[in-house]
Amino acid sequence: MTQATGQLISLKEWQAQRFAGKGPTLCTIRRWCQDGQLPAKKIGNQWYIDLEAETQLAEKELADSINQALTG
């Protein structure tokens, strides 16, 4: 789990913003949060995605994928 650096949004809001149509279930997203695969913070019994950190992570992963495709 990472420290919050930006706006926190609920898992349901993140799911709706990130995935068009059918995306992963909330159960899967919660597991990603628990496993540290998503930058998230647990407040009480609810998980929230750190939107800024998640955006930075997605941009880095995209850049890494493009770089790998170009360098073979």
Protein backbone atom coordinates (compact mmCIF):
# COMPACT_ATOMS: atom_id res chain seq x y z
CA MET A 1 0.00 0.00 0.00
CA THR A 2 1.31 3.45 -0.87
CA GLN A 3 0.91 6.82 0.78
CA ALA A 4 -1.78 8.95 -0.79
CA THR A 5 -0.33 11.58 -3.10
CA GLY A 6 -3.46 12.75 -4.84
CA GLN A 7 -7.21 12.48 -4.99
CA LEU A 8 -8.70 9.34 -3.46
CA ILE A 9 -11.67 7.77 -5.24
CA SER A 10 -13.76 4.75 -4.39
CA LEU A 11 -13.16 1.46 -6.13
CA LYS A 12 -16.52 1.70 -7.87
CA GLU A 13 -15.74 5.20 -9.21
CA TRP A 14 -12.30 4.04 -10.38
CA GLN A 15 -13.80 0.97 -12.04
CA ALA A 16 -16.30 3.13 -13.96
CA GLN A 17 -13.64 5.65 -15.03
CA ARG A 18 -10.94 3.14 -15.98
CA PHE A 19 -12.93 0.47 -17.80
CA ALA A 20 -15.46 0.94 -20.57
CA GLY A 21 -18.05 -1.80 -20.49
CA LYS A 22 -17.31 -4.86 -18.42
CA GLY A 23 -14.20 -4.50 -16.30
CA PRO A 24 -12.84 -6.51 -13.39
CA THR A 25 -15.13 -7.14 -10.45
CA LEU A 26 -14.88 -5.08 -7.28
CA CYS A 27 -13.61 -8.23 -5.55
CA THR A 28 -10.70 -8.42 -8.01
CA ILE A 29 -9.95 -4.72 -7.60
CA ARG A 30 -9.96 -5.11 -3.79
CA ARG A 31 -7.48 -7.98 -4.15
CA TRP A 32 -5.24 -5.79 -6.33
CA CYS A 33 -5.33 -3.15 -3.58
CA GLN A 34 -4.51 -5.68 -0.85
CA ASP A 35 -1.67 -7.15 -2.92
CA GLY A 36 -0.20 -3.71 -3.62
CA GLN A 37 -0.79 -3.93 -7.36
CA LEU A 38 -2.76 -0.68 -7.23
CA PRO A 39 -1.82 2.44 -5.26
CA ALA A 40 -4.61 2.43 -2.72
CA LYS A 41 -5.38 3.35 0.85
CA LYS A 42 -7.74 1.61 3.22
CA ILE A 43 -9.80 3.94 5.36
CA GLY A 44 -11.92 2.04 7.86
CA ASN A 45 -13.11 -0.96 5.91
CA GLN A 46 -13.19 0.78 2.50
CA TRP A 47 -10.45 0.91 -0.12
CA TYR A 48 -9.75 4.05 -2.14
CA ILE A 49 -7.56 4.37 -5.21
CA ASP A 50 -4.95 7.15 -5.25
CA LEU A 51 -5.92 8.52 -8.66
CA GLU A 52 -2.73 10.53 -9.26
CA ALA A 53 -0.42 7.63 -8.34
CA GLU A 54 -2.49 5.18 -10.42
CA THR A 55 -2.31 7.49 -13.44
CA GLN A 56 1.47 7.77 -13.07
CA LEU A 57 1.75 3.99 -12.75
CA ALA A 58 -0.38 3.42 -15.88
CA GLU A 59 1.68 5.96 -17.84
CA LYS A 60 4.92 4.26 -16.78
CA GLU A 61 3.59 0.82 -17.72
CA LEU A 62 2.49 2.12 -21.13
CA ALA A 63 5.87 3.75 -21.74
CA ASP A 64 7.65 0.54 -20.70
CA SER A 65 5.48 -1.51 -23.08
CA ILE A 66 6.17 0.85 -25.99
CA ASN A 67 9.89 0.86 -25.23
CA GLN A 68 9.97 -2.93 -25.08
CA ALA A 69 8.09 -3.20 -28.39
CA LEU A 70 10.50 -0.79 -30.06
CA THR A 71 13.65 -2.42 -28.73
CA GLY A 72 12.37 -5.96 -29.25
